[in-house]
Amino acid sequence: MPAKRSSIADRLLAWYDVQARALPWRALPGTPAPDPYRVWLSEIMLQQTTVATVRPKFAAFTERWPDFAAFAAADDAEVMAAWAGLGYYARARNLIACARAVVADHGGRLPDTEAELRALPGIGDYTAAAIAAIAFGRRAVAVDANVERVVARLFAIRESLPAARGAIRQAAGSITPDARAGDLWQAMMDLGQAICTPRAPKCLLCPLAQDCDGRATGAPETFPVKAPKRVGPQRYGTIFWLERGREVLLVRRAPKGLLGGMRALPTGPWEAAPPGLAAAPADTDWELRNATISHVFTHFRLICALAVARGGAHETAGEWWPIDRLDEAGLPTLFLKAARAVRREG
């Protein structure tokens, strides 16, 4: 390994040995290897989700389902409800499928190579590399958003994203040691979270400052270079709040697609123009409220009108849920926003 590359790895690992964050899924330097189940679960939960959001969910999941066997035997609906608040719900469906594949095909033990890990549901290139390195000590290159930012700055990679990802991965591979690769990537993640932040990097505190080509330019915050942001399409829908006494109608969304398998408030189609009361769950007197509910998904922004009806013995598919226990239903954020809007308006 060239001198600069070796210096980066050595300096970063020395910093990590002192500054590593204590996280419930992590084995700190000098402690026994982490439980692969906990590494796998945390890596899936942390995809596009913050550590602060994941911590309580991780604790709840591992208490309820402490290993692959318990998770594989879990009821799908219970897992989906427990997942609420973490977003990107396809991850929860993949967790269930992956746990069952590990039990059925690998005797309940997570495989330890990137190739075998990639063959499991919900595990892509990054997650396979991260698990192989962190849980099993393999030399693997795990590039998440924090690592991408740190490496782009270290090497002042001027090509814009996403085209730059190949060069970033190659540069990351050039500093990967044969030993402690997992610690290196966790150190990079911690560095990106605390010091090499997106907008105001704290270069004076950085253990890699003397090695950083981006800092030498005088503008490290300009790396990684990002292509102009594309504006996603906008869709419209209607969310229906139907009360019966002290209960509200909830439905189970179709297993596949956005928010698949989740409990939800009824909603009509999401279309290019406002659909009004199309697909209302009951033939009754609906009141369209002034409030609108907006939510940004990965590929589009959704704006929903809110329709409310109360009273009557409505015969309709779904389940009637106690309004004062709605926080136990595991509703996705979109529908929690709607529930809060109804409560505010009364």
Protein backbone atom coordinates (compact mmCIF):
# COMPACT_ATOMS: atom_id res chain seq x y z
CA MET A 1 0.00 0.00 0.00
CA PRO A 2 1.54 3.42 -0.97
CA ALA A 3 2.62 5.67 1.90
CA LYS A 4 -0.35 8.05 1.71
CA ARG A 5 -2.87 5.20 1.59
CA SER A 6 -1.22 3.47 4.56
CA SER A 7 -1.11 6.75 6.49
CA ILE A 8 -4.84 7.29 6.00
CA ALA A 9 -5.79 3.86 7.30
CA ASP A 10 -3.38 4.02 10.26
CA ARG A 11 -4.41 7.52 11.32
CA LEU A 12 -8.10 6.79 11.01
CA LEU A 13 -7.94 3.53 12.96
CA ALA A 14 -5.92 5.21 15.71
CA TRP A 15 -8.59 7.92 15.93
CA TYR A 16 -11.35 5.31 15.98
CA ASP A 17 -9.71 3.38 18.80
CA VAL A 18 -10.27 6.44 21.00
CA GLN A 19 -13.35 8.11 19.49
CA ALA A 20 -15.58 5.23 18.34
CA ARG A 21 -19.26 5.77 19.05
CA ALA A 22 -20.86 3.25 21.38
CA LEU A 23 -23.77 1.82 19.37
CA PRO A 24 -25.93 -1.15 20.42
CA TRP A 25 -25.08 -3.15 17.28
CA ARG A 26 -21.36 -2.42 17.33
CA ALA A 27 -18.39 -4.16 18.95
CA LEU A 28 -15.97 -1.49 20.12
CA PRO A 29 -12.23 -1.86 19.40
CA GLY A 30 -10.68 -4.53 21.59
CA THR A 31 -13.98 -6.29 22.33
CA PRO A 32 -15.30 -9.61 20.95
CA ALA A 33 -16.69 -9.66 17.40
CA PRO A 34 -20.27 -8.41 17.03
CA ASP A 35 -23.27 -10.69 16.59
CA PRO A 36 -23.83 -11.00 12.80
CA TYR A 37 -27.60 -10.92 13.36
CA ARG A 38 -27.35 -7.51 15.02
CA VAL A 39 -24.99 -6.21 12.33
CA TRP A 40 -27.37 -7.37 9.59
CA LEU A 41 -30.44 -5.89 11.27
CA SER A 42 -28.75 -2.55 11.95
CA GLU A 43 -27.36 -2.23 8.43
CA ILE A 44 -30.81 -2.73 6.90
CA MET A 45 -32.42 -0.31 9.37
CA LEU A 46 -29.75 2.35 8.79
CA GLN A 47 -30.29 2.52 5.04
CA GLN A 48 -31.39 6.13 4.45
CA THR A 49 -32.35 6.45 8.13
CA THR A 50 -30.55 8.23 10.96
CA VAL A 51 -28.91 6.56 13.95
CA ALA A 52 -31.19 8.52 16.30
CA THR A 53 -34.27 7.07 14.61
CA VAL A 54 -32.87 3.55 14.46
CA ARG A 55 -31.71 3.22 18.10
CA PRO A 56 -35.13 2.72 19.75
CA LYS A 57 -36.43 0.59 16.87
CA PHE A 58 -33.35 -1.63 17.01
CA ALA A 59 -33.78 -2.11 20.75
CA ALA A 60 -37.46 -3.04 20.31
CA PHE A 61 -36.76 -5.46 17.45
CA THR A 62 -33.89 -7.28 19.18
CA GLU A 63 -35.88 -7.63 22.39
CA ARG A 64 -38.86 -9.05 20.54
CA TRP A 65 -36.93 -11.07 17.92
CA PRO A 66 -33.41 -11.73 19.29
CA ASP A 67 -32.09 -13.96 16.49
CA PHE A 68 -32.74 -15.23 12.99
CA ALA A 69 -34.92 -18.12 14.17
CA ALA A 70 -37.24 -15.80 16.10
CA PHE A 71 -37.41 -13.32 13.24
CA ALA A 72 -38.10 -16.01 10.68
CA ALA A 73 -41.06 -17.19 12.77
CA ALA A 74 -42.48 -13.69 13.22
CA ASP A 75 -45.88 -12.71 11.89
CA ASP A 76 -45.48 -10.51 8.81
CA ALA A 77 -48.08 -7.97 9.94
CA GLU A 78 -46.43 -7.61 13.36
CA VAL A 79 -43.05 -6.92 11.78
CA MET A 80 -44.54 -4.35 9.41
CA ALA A 81 -46.30 -2.61 12.30
CA ALA A 82 -43.11 -2.57 14.38
CA TRP A 83 -41.23 -1.12 11.40
CA ALA A 84 -43.53 1.94 11.14
CA GLY A 85 -41.56 5.16 11.33
CA LEU A 86 -38.43 3.81 9.64
CA GLY A 87 -39.77 4.35 6.10
CA TYR A 88 -38.86 2.51 2.89
CA TYR A 89 -41.12 -0.38 3.89
CA ALA A 90 -39.81 -2.78 1.27
CA ARG A 91 -36.83 -3.16 3.61
CA ALA A 92 -39.07 -4.72 6.26
CA ARG A 93 -40.50 -7.21 3.78
CA ASN A 94 -36.96 -8.09 2.71
CA LEU A 95 -35.92 -8.54 6.34
CA ILE A 96 -38.59 -11.18 6.80
CA ALA A 97 -37.66 -12.95 3.57
CA CYS A 98 -33.96 -12.79 4.39
CA ALA A 99 -34.37 -14.20 7.91
CA ARG A 100 -36.41 -17.09 6.53
CA ALA A 101 -33.79 -17.78 3.85
CA VAL A 102 -31.01 -17.77 6.46
CA VAL A 103 -32.93 -20.30 8.57
CA ALA A 104 -34.03 -22.47 5.64
CA ASP A 105 -30.84 -22.43 3.57
CA HIS A 106 -28.01 -21.64 6.02
CA GLY A 107 -29.04 -23.33 9.26
CA GLY A 108 -29.84 -20.02 10.95
CA ARG A 109 -26.30 -18.66 10.48
CA LEU A 110 -25.60 -15.68 8.25
CA PRO A 111 -23.08 -16.55 5.50
CA ASP A 112 -19.77 -14.71 5.75
CA THR A 113 -18.82 -13.91 2.15
CA GLU A 114 -20.00 -11.01 0.01
CA ALA A 115 -21.17 -13.29 -2.79
CA GLU A 116 -23.33 -15.42 -0.49
CA LEU A 117 -24.67 -12.36 1.30
CA ARG A 118 -25.65 -10.66 -1.97
CA ALA A 119 -27.75 -13.69 -2.85
CA LEU A 120 -30.03 -13.04 0.14
CA PRO A 121 -33.17 -10.84 -0.12
CA GLY A 122 -32.60 -7.16 0.56
CA ILE A 123 -28.79 -7.32 0.64
CA GLY A 124 -27.06 -5.30 -2.07
CA ASP A 125 -23.42 -4.57 -2.75
CA TYR A 126 -22.88 -2.08 0.07
CA THR A 127 -24.73 -4.07 2.72
CA ALA A 128 -22.94 -7.30 1.76
CA ALA A 129 -19.56 -5.58 2.01
CA ALA A 130 -20.43 -3.92 5.32
CA ILE A 131 -21.63 -7.17 6.91
CA ALA A 132 -18.65 -9.15 5.58
CA ALA A 133 -16.20 -6.58 6.94
CA ILE A 134 -17.86 -5.66 10.24
CA ALA A 135 -19.33 -9.00 11.31
CA PHE A 136 -16.76 -11.39 9.85
CA GLY A 137 -13.51 -9.41 9.50
CA ARG A 138 -13.34 -9.81 5.72
CA ARG A 139 -11.45 -7.32 3.58
CA ALA A 140 -14.33 -5.62 1.81
CA VAL A 141 -15.02 -2.12 0.47
CA ALA A 142 -18.20 -0.70 2.04
CA VAL A 143 -19.10 2.73 0.65
CA ASP A 144 -22.16 4.41 2.19
CA ALA A 145 -23.02 8.13 1.98
CA ASN A 146 -20.60 9.11 4.75
CA VAL A 147 -17.74 7.08 3.28
CA GLU A 148 -18.52 8.49 -0.17
CA ARG A 149 -18.22 12.04 1.14
CA VAL A 150 -15.00 11.43 3.12
CA VAL A 151 -13.26 9.62 0.26
CA ALA A 152 -14.35 12.18 -2.36
CA ARG A 153 -12.77 14.89 -0.20
CA LEU A 154 -9.63 12.92 0.67
CA PHE A 155 -8.83 12.48 -3.02
CA ALA A 156 -10.54 15.65 -4.33
CA ILE A 157 -12.52 13.63 -6.87
CA ARG A 158 -13.94 16.25 -9.24
CA GLU A 159 -16.24 14.08 -11.31
CA SER A 160 -19.87 14.63 -10.30
CA LEU A 161 -22.16 12.06 -8.75
CA PRO A 162 -23.44 9.54 -9.62
CA ALA A 163 -20.76 9.07 -12.31
CA ALA A 164 -18.02 9.57 -9.70
CA ARG A 165 -18.99 6.50 -7.71
CA GLY A 166 -16.65 4.22 -9.62
CA ALA A 167 -13.66 6.48 -8.89
CA ILE A 168 -14.73 6.84 -5.25
CA ARG A 169 -15.00 3.10 -4.82
CA GLN A 170 -11.60 2.57 -6.43
CA ALA A 171 -10.04 5.17 -4.11
CA ALA A 172 -11.77 3.59 -1.10
CA GLY A 173 -10.39 0.22 -2.11
CA SER A 174 -6.88 1.67 -2.27
CA ILE A 175 -6.95 2.55 1.45
CA THR A 176 -8.63 -0.66 2.66
CA PRO A 177 -6.28 -2.63 4.95
CA ASP A 178 -6.15 -6.40 5.00
CA ALA A 179 -6.95 -6.37 8.73
CA ARG A 180 -9.61 -4.30 10.50
CA ALA A 181 -11.51 -3.32 7.35
CA GLY A 182 -14.73 -3.34 9.35
CA ASP A 183 -13.28 -0.91 11.88
CA LEU A 184 -12.02 1.30 9.05
CA TRP A 185 -15.51 1.66 7.54
CA GLN A 186 -17.11 2.26 10.92
CA ALA A 187 -14.43 4.89 11.57
CA MET A 188 -15.25 6.54 8.22
CA MET A 189 -18.95 6.56 9.16
CA ASP A 190 -18.19 8.17 12.51
CA LEU A 191 -15.85 10.70 10.91
CA GLY A 192 -18.49 11.64 8.34
CA GLN A 193 -21.16 11.97 11.02
CA ALA A 194 -19.15 14.07 13.49
CA ILE A 195 -16.37 15.87 11.61
CA CYS A 196 -16.45 15.55 7.82
CA THR A 197 -20.05 16.78 7.67
CA PRO A 198 -21.83 17.80 4.45
CA ARG A 199 -21.89 21.57 4.88
CA ALA A 200 -19.29 22.62 7.45
CA PRO A 201 -16.49 20.08 7.82
CA LYS A 202 -14.46 20.54 11.01
CA CYS A 203 -11.07 20.14 9.33
CA LEU A 204 -9.09 21.35 12.37
CA LEU A 205 -10.36 18.33 14.31
CA CYS A 206 -9.89 15.78 11.53
CA PRO A 207 -7.23 13.09 11.95
CA LEU A 208 -6.84 12.99 8.16
CA ALA A 209 -6.43 16.73 7.58
CA GLN A 210 -2.81 16.45 6.46
CA ASP A 211 -3.72 13.75 3.91
CA CYS A 212 -6.80 15.50 2.50
CA ASP A 213 -6.58 16.83 -1.07
CA GLY A 214 -10.03 18.40 -0.72
CA ARG A 215 -8.87 20.49 2.24
CA ALA A 216 -5.83 21.56 0.23
CA THR A 217 -8.17 23.11 -2.35
CA GLY A 218 -9.56 25.44 0.33
CA ALA A 219 -13.11 24.30 -0.34
CA PRO A 220 -13.56 20.74 0.99
CA GLU A 221 -17.31 21.25 1.32
CA THR A 222 -17.65 21.28 -2.48
CA PHE A 223 -16.85 17.55 -2.56
CA PRO A 224 -18.43 15.27 -3.58
CA VAL A 225 -19.53 17.21 -6.64
CA LYS A 226 -23.24 16.74 -7.20
CA ALA A 227 -25.09 16.88 -10.49
CA PRO A 228 -28.06 19.31 -10.68
CA LYS A 229 -30.98 17.88 -8.74
CA ARG A 230 -33.84 16.58 -10.84
CA VAL A 231 -37.32 17.54 -9.71
CA GLY A 232 -39.50 14.46 -9.29
CA PRO A 233 -43.12 14.32 -10.45
CA GLN A 234 -46.00 15.38 -8.23
CA ARG A 235 -49.01 13.16 -7.58
CA TYR A 236 -52.31 13.76 -5.85
CA GLY A 237 -54.65 11.64 -3.75
CA THR A 238 -57.35 11.72 -1.08
CA ILE A 239 -57.06 10.26 2.40
CA PHE A 240 -60.32 9.20 4.03
CA TRP A 241 -60.99 9.47 7.78
CA LEU A 242 -64.16 7.51 8.54
CA GLU A 243 -65.25 7.43 12.20
CA ARG A 244 -67.71 5.09 13.91
CA GLY A 245 -68.14 6.03 17.53
CA ARG A 246 -64.64 6.22 18.96
CA GLU A 247 -63.11 4.13 16.18
CA VAL A 248 -61.65 4.92 12.77
CA LEU A 249 -61.56 2.71 9.70
CA LEU A 250 -58.17 1.28 8.79
CA VAL A 251 -57.32 -0.92 5.81
CA ARG A 252 -54.40 -3.20 4.96
CA ARG A 253 -52.52 -2.05 1.87
CA ALA A 254 -51.70 -4.54 -0.88
CA PRO A 255 -48.59 -6.65 -0.12
CA LYS A 256 -46.57 -5.20 -3.00
CA GLY A 257 -45.90 -1.60 -3.88
CA LEU A 258 -45.41 1.51 -1.76
CA LEU A 259 -46.21 0.95 1.93
CA GLY A 260 -47.09 -2.63 1.01
CA GLY A 261 -48.65 -4.74 3.75
CA MET A 262 -49.05 -1.79 6.13
CA ARG A 263 -52.15 -0.70 8.00
CA ALA A 264 -53.31 2.64 6.63
CA LEU A 265 -56.18 5.04 6.33
CA PRO A 266 -58.15 4.40 3.13
CA THR A 267 -56.88 6.37 0.17
CA GLY A 268 -57.95 6.62 -3.42
CA PRO A 269 -55.54 6.35 -6.36
CA TRP A 270 -52.45 8.57 -6.52
CA GLU A 271 -52.71 10.36 -9.84
CA ALA A 272 -51.43 13.30 -11.87
CA ALA A 273 -54.54 15.34 -10.94
CA PRO A 274 -56.56 15.51 -7.69
CA PRO A 275 -59.00 12.55 -7.70
CA GLY A 276 -61.51 14.07 -5.26
CA LEU A 277 -63.74 11.47 -3.62
CA ALA A 278 -62.97 8.70 -6.11
CA ALA A 279 -62.57 5.34 -4.37
CA ALA A 280 -64.17 6.53 -1.11
CA PRO A 281 -64.55 3.53 1.23
CA ALA A 282 -68.23 4.23 1.98
CA ASP A 283 -71.19 6.02 0.43
CA THR A 284 -71.74 8.76 2.99
CA ASP A 285 -71.50 12.52 3.44
CA TRP A 286 -67.82 13.36 3.11
CA GLU A 287 -66.45 16.71 4.17
CA LEU A 288 -63.34 17.82 2.31
CA ARG A 289 -61.16 19.68 4.81
CA ASN A 290 -58.91 22.65 4.08
CA ALA A 291 -55.86 20.75 5.27
CA THR A 292 -53.64 19.01 2.74
CA ILE A 293 -51.19 16.24 3.58
CA SER A 294 -47.89 16.26 1.72
CA HIS A 295 -45.20 13.59 1.77
CA VAL A 296 -42.05 13.03 -0.29
CA PHE A 297 -41.34 9.51 -1.47
CA THR A 298 -38.14 8.47 -3.23
CA HIS A 299 -39.35 9.21 -6.76
CA PHE A 300 -42.27 11.62 -6.33
CA ARG A 301 -44.03 14.10 -4.05
CA LEU A 302 -47.56 13.29 -2.94
CA ILE A 303 -50.19 15.86 -1.99
CA CYS A 304 -53.40 14.49 -0.50
CA ALA A 305 -56.72 16.10 0.27
CA LEU A 306 -58.34 15.04 3.54
CA ALA A 307 -61.95 13.82 3.56
CA VAL A 308 -63.75 13.24 6.90
CA ALA A 309 -67.04 11.52 7.73
CA ARG A 310 -68.47 10.67 11.15
CA GLY A 311 -71.34 8.62 12.47
CA GLY A 312 -73.45 5.86 10.95
CA ALA A 313 -73.06 2.07 10.76
CA HIS A 314 -70.89 1.78 7.67
CA GLU A 315 -70.50 -1.64 6.08
CA THR A 316 -67.08 -1.59 4.50
CA ALA A 317 -63.95 -3.71 4.27
CA GLY A 318 -61.22 -3.03 6.81
CA GLU A 319 -60.90 -2.93 10.58
CA TRP A 320 -62.24 -0.44 13.09
CA TRP A 321 -59.43 0.78 15.30
CA PRO A 322 -59.77 2.70 18.60
CA ILE A 323 -58.80 6.30 17.93
CA ASP A 324 -57.14 6.68 21.33
CA ARG A 325 -54.85 3.73 20.47
CA LEU A 326 -53.97 4.81 16.96
CA ASP A 327 -50.28 5.06 17.85
CA GLU A 328 -50.31 1.26 18.29
CA ALA A 329 -51.51 0.59 14.73
CA GLY A 330 -48.09 1.00 13.11
CA LEU A 331 -49.30 3.57 10.59
CA PRO A 332 -46.78 4.93 8.07
CA THR A 333 -45.82 8.59 8.48
CA LEU A 334 -48.12 9.76 5.68
CA PHE A 335 -51.20 8.56 7.56
CA LEU A 336 -49.96 9.73 10.95
CA LYS A 337 -49.79 13.21 9.42
CA ALA A 338 -53.41 12.86 8.31
CA ALA A 339 -54.51 11.68 11.77
CA ARG A 340 -52.80 14.66 13.41
CA ALA A 341 -54.50 17.02 10.96
CA VAL A 342 -57.95 15.59 11.79
CA ARG A 343 -57.30 15.91 15.51
CA ARG A 344 -56.11 19.52 15.14
CA GLU A 345 -59.23 20.54 13.24
CA GLY A 346 -61.58 18.49 15.44
